[in-house]
Amino acid sequence: MSHKELLFWAMYIIGGFLMGSVLFCQVIPQIALDKDIYAISDDHNPGATNVFIQCGASWGFLCLGLDMMKGFLPVFFTSRSLEPTSPLFALVLIAPVLGHAVAPFHHFHGGKCIATTFGEMLALLPFTRIGLVLAVIYIVFSTVVKIQPNRLRSMAAFGLFGAFSAASMLWGENQAIALGCVGISLIAIVKHSKYFSYD
């Protein structure tokens, strides 16, 4: 691998982490409406659901779209300019979700990673349908086998998705993508765990 290529990998990984670290669901309501989503929401989560509840649908959709975009863009551009089968691509997948989870720009009070993860899954659609597995699991756990509260539903969904991703490496799934999905799942499970949750 050339120095130039390594530089591009580093740019996408670090850039993805920094982009993920911007909590649009916190910043936009604070600037536009003088509302602190972290402070006024019941679970103190700077996520799109709380923007919908506290600020209305239009602001909620805007913040949801931006949270998805910060997962979509790094994965989209990396996968089209570098090799998505490289092990480094796993770090590209993990970086925006980790940035969103730890949020160094926001006193390390990050979000729970769902919208950013689905943004990444959309960017992966030309290469794999693995993101559809996560979507189906969420739908099943929300409608057929209802798991409450939401925190436990997300932990179960990401746990099953992480196990599926790990197993998929055995039957020929892109190993870098599968490994990245395992990393994303672990981050999301930790963020939804009782230790990090208020609900």
Protein backbone atom coordinates (compact mmCIF):
# COMPACT_ATOMS: atom_id res chain seq x y z
CA MET A 1 0.00 0.00 0.00
CA SER A 2 1.41 3.38 -1.00
CA HIS A 3 1.88 6.32 1.36
CA LYS A 4 -0.71 8.23 -0.63
CA GLU A 5 -3.28 5.48 -0.18
CA LEU A 6 -2.55 5.27 3.55
CA LEU A 7 -3.05 9.01 3.76
CA PHE A 8 -6.48 8.69 2.15
CA TRP A 9 -7.47 5.89 4.53
CA ALA A 10 -6.41 8.02 7.50
CA MET A 11 -8.32 10.99 6.11
CA TYR A 12 -11.55 9.02 5.76
CA ILE A 13 -11.23 7.33 9.15
CA ILE A 14 -10.35 10.48 11.10
CA GLY A 15 -12.76 12.60 9.05
CA GLY A 16 -15.55 10.09 9.67
CA PHE A 17 -14.89 10.14 13.39
CA LEU A 18 -14.92 13.94 13.51
CA MET A 19 -18.07 14.12 11.37
CA GLY A 20 -19.74 11.58 13.64
CA SER A 21 -18.79 13.66 16.64
CA VAL A 22 -21.04 16.54 15.56
CA LEU A 23 -24.37 15.99 17.32
CA PHE A 24 -26.80 17.68 14.97
CA CYS A 25 -29.73 16.76 17.22
CA GLN A 26 -28.08 18.80 19.95
CA VAL A 27 -26.62 21.65 17.90
CA ILE A 28 -29.54 22.55 15.61
CA PRO A 29 -32.30 22.83 18.26
CA GLN A 30 -29.86 24.76 20.48
CA ILE A 31 -29.04 27.29 17.77
CA ALA A 32 -32.41 27.53 16.02
CA LEU A 33 -34.84 27.12 18.93
CA ASP A 34 -32.74 27.70 22.04
CA LYS A 35 -33.63 24.19 23.23
CA ASP A 36 -31.13 21.89 24.91
CA ILE A 37 -32.29 18.42 23.85
CA TYR A 38 -29.87 16.74 26.20
CA ALA A 39 -31.25 18.64 29.18
CA ILE A 40 -34.99 18.57 28.44
CA SER A 41 -35.45 15.00 27.18
CA ASP A 42 -36.36 12.25 29.62
CA ASP A 43 -33.47 9.97 28.70
CA HIS A 44 -30.95 12.79 28.10
CA ASN A 45 -30.17 11.38 24.68
CA PRO A 46 -29.25 13.85 21.90
CA GLY A 47 -31.07 11.81 19.28
CA ALA A 48 -33.64 12.36 16.56
CA THR A 49 -36.52 10.81 18.53
CA ASN A 50 -36.17 13.47 21.19
CA VAL A 51 -36.01 16.21 18.55
CA PHE A 52 -39.31 14.93 17.10
CA ILE A 53 -40.85 14.99 20.59
CA GLN A 54 -39.47 18.32 21.76
CA CYS A 55 -39.25 20.32 18.50
CA GLY A 56 -41.73 18.81 16.04
CA ALA A 57 -41.61 16.74 12.88
CA SER A 58 -39.84 19.19 10.56
CA TRP A 59 -36.90 19.66 12.91
CA GLY A 60 -36.92 15.95 13.70
CA PHE A 61 -36.65 14.94 10.03
CA LEU A 62 -33.89 17.49 9.45
CA CYS A 63 -31.81 16.21 12.36
CA LEU A 64 -32.53 12.58 11.47
CA GLY A 65 -31.35 13.19 7.90
CA LEU A 66 -28.17 14.88 9.08
CA ASP A 67 -27.38 12.10 11.55
CA MET A 68 -27.82 9.55 8.77
CA MET A 69 -25.76 11.67 6.38
CA LYS A 70 -22.73 11.71 8.68
CA GLY A 71 -22.70 7.92 8.54
CA PHE A 72 -23.51 7.73 4.83
CA LEU A 73 -20.94 10.17 3.42
CA PRO A 74 -17.65 8.73 4.78
CA VAL A 75 -18.68 5.19 3.81
CA PHE A 76 -19.97 6.26 0.39
CA PHE A 77 -16.86 8.21 -0.61
CA THR A 78 -14.40 5.68 0.82
CA SER A 79 -16.08 2.73 -0.91
CA ARG A 80 -15.87 4.50 -4.25
CA SER A 81 -12.29 5.72 -4.01
CA LEU A 82 -10.58 2.93 -2.04
CA GLU A 83 -10.95 -0.84 -1.78
CA PRO A 84 -13.92 -1.81 0.45
CA THR A 85 -12.46 -5.28 0.98
CA SER A 86 -9.44 -3.83 2.80
CA PRO A 87 -9.39 -4.47 6.58
CA LEU A 88 -9.09 -0.70 6.99
CA PHE A 89 -12.63 -0.36 5.65
CA ALA A 90 -13.86 -1.82 8.95
CA LEU A 91 -12.38 1.24 10.69
CA VAL A 92 -14.15 3.52 8.21
CA LEU A 93 -17.44 1.91 9.28
CA ILE A 94 -16.66 2.12 12.97
CA ALA A 95 -15.33 5.69 13.00
CA PRO A 96 -18.55 7.76 12.50
CA VAL A 97 -20.52 5.58 14.93
CA LEU A 98 -17.77 5.81 17.54
CA GLY A 99 -17.57 9.58 17.04
CA HIS A 100 -21.33 9.86 17.54
CA ALA A 101 -21.18 7.64 20.62
CA VAL A 102 -18.35 9.41 22.44
CA ALA A 103 -18.92 12.94 21.04
CA PRO A 104 -15.68 14.66 22.13
CA PHE A 105 -17.08 18.02 20.93
CA HIS A 106 -20.01 17.66 23.35
CA HIS A 107 -18.33 16.80 26.66
CA PHE A 108 -18.41 13.10 25.73
CA HIS A 109 -22.21 12.92 26.02
CA GLY A 110 -22.87 11.16 22.72
CA GLY A 111 -25.94 9.62 21.14
CA LYS A 112 -27.03 6.02 20.72
CA CYS A 113 -25.86 5.54 17.13
CA ILE A 114 -29.01 4.20 15.43
CA ALA A 115 -29.50 6.85 12.71
CA THR A 116 -25.78 7.05 11.95
CA THR A 117 -25.63 3.27 11.63
CA PHE A 118 -28.54 3.16 9.19
CA GLY A 119 -26.91 5.93 7.15
CA GLU A 120 -23.89 3.68 6.78
CA MET A 121 -26.05 0.71 5.85
CA LEU A 122 -27.59 2.74 3.02
CA ALA A 123 -24.13 3.55 1.67
CA LEU A 124 -23.30 -0.17 1.74
CA LEU A 125 -26.29 -1.28 -0.35
CA PRO A 126 -24.31 -1.55 -3.63
CA PHE A 127 -21.98 -4.05 -1.93
CA THR A 128 -24.12 -5.92 0.60
CA ARG A 129 -27.66 -6.17 1.95
CA ILE A 130 -26.44 -6.77 5.49
CA GLY A 131 -28.08 -3.53 6.65
CA LEU A 132 -31.48 -4.97 5.72
CA VAL A 133 -30.89 -7.64 8.36
CA LEU A 134 -30.64 -4.96 11.05
CA ALA A 135 -33.78 -3.25 9.73
CA VAL A 136 -35.76 -6.51 9.75
CA ILE A 137 -34.58 -7.35 13.28
CA TYR A 138 -35.71 -3.92 14.51
CA ILE A 139 -39.10 -4.31 12.83
CA VAL A 140 -39.61 -7.78 14.34
CA PHE A 141 -38.62 -6.63 17.82
CA SER A 142 -40.93 -3.62 17.48
CA THR A 143 -44.02 -5.40 16.13
CA VAL A 144 -43.99 -9.20 16.41
CA VAL A 145 -41.79 -9.92 19.42
CA LYS A 146 -42.15 -6.60 21.22
CA ILE A 147 -39.22 -5.83 23.48
CA GLN A 148 -39.53 -2.99 25.98
CA PRO A 149 -38.07 -0.61 26.94
CA ASN A 150 -36.46 0.77 23.80
CA ARG A 151 -33.01 0.42 25.35
CA LEU A 152 -33.39 -3.36 25.66
CA ARG A 153 -34.88 -3.60 22.16
CA SER A 154 -31.84 -1.88 20.68
CA MET A 155 -29.42 -4.01 22.70
CA ALA A 156 -31.16 -7.18 21.49
CA ALA A 157 -31.29 -5.96 17.88
CA PHE A 158 -27.64 -4.96 17.75
CA GLY A 159 -26.62 -8.11 19.62
CA LEU A 160 -28.33 -10.31 17.06
CA PHE A 161 -27.02 -8.18 14.20
CA GLY A 162 -23.48 -8.40 15.57
CA ALA A 163 -23.75 -12.19 15.86
CA PHE A 164 -25.12 -12.43 12.32
CA SER A 165 -22.30 -10.21 11.03
CA ALA A 166 -19.66 -12.34 12.75
CA ALA A 167 -21.17 -15.53 11.37
CA SER A 168 -21.48 -14.06 7.87
CA MET A 169 -17.68 -13.97 7.59
CA LEU A 170 -17.78 -17.76 7.42
CA TRP A 171 -19.92 -17.90 4.27
CA GLY A 172 -18.12 -15.36 2.14
CA GLU A 173 -19.48 -11.97 3.22
CA ASN A 174 -17.00 -9.13 2.76
CA GLN A 175 -14.94 -9.64 5.91
CA ALA A 176 -14.07 -5.96 6.33
CA ILE A 177 -17.74 -4.98 6.20
CA ALA A 178 -18.74 -7.81 8.53
CA LEU A 179 -16.01 -6.87 11.00
CA GLY A 180 -17.08 -3.23 10.87
CA CYS A 181 -20.68 -4.25 11.59
CA VAL A 182 -19.52 -6.26 14.60
CA GLY A 183 -17.67 -3.19 15.88
CA ILE A 184 -20.72 -0.98 15.32
CA SER A 185 -22.89 -3.47 17.19
CA LEU A 186 -20.57 -3.52 20.19
CA ILE A 187 -20.52 0.28 20.36
CA ALA A 188 -24.31 0.47 20.14
CA ILE A 189 -24.80 -2.19 22.82
CA VAL A 190 -22.50 -0.34 25.20
CA LYS A 191 -24.29 2.97 24.51
CA HIS A 192 -27.70 1.38 25.19
CA SER A 193 -26.55 -0.44 28.31
CA LYS A 194 -27.92 0.67 31.65
CA TYR A 195 -24.56 2.13 32.63
CA PHE A 196 -24.77 4.70 29.82
CA SER A 197 -28.56 5.15 29.69
CA TYR A 198 -30.96 7.29 31.67
CA ASP A 199 -34.23 5.64 30.69
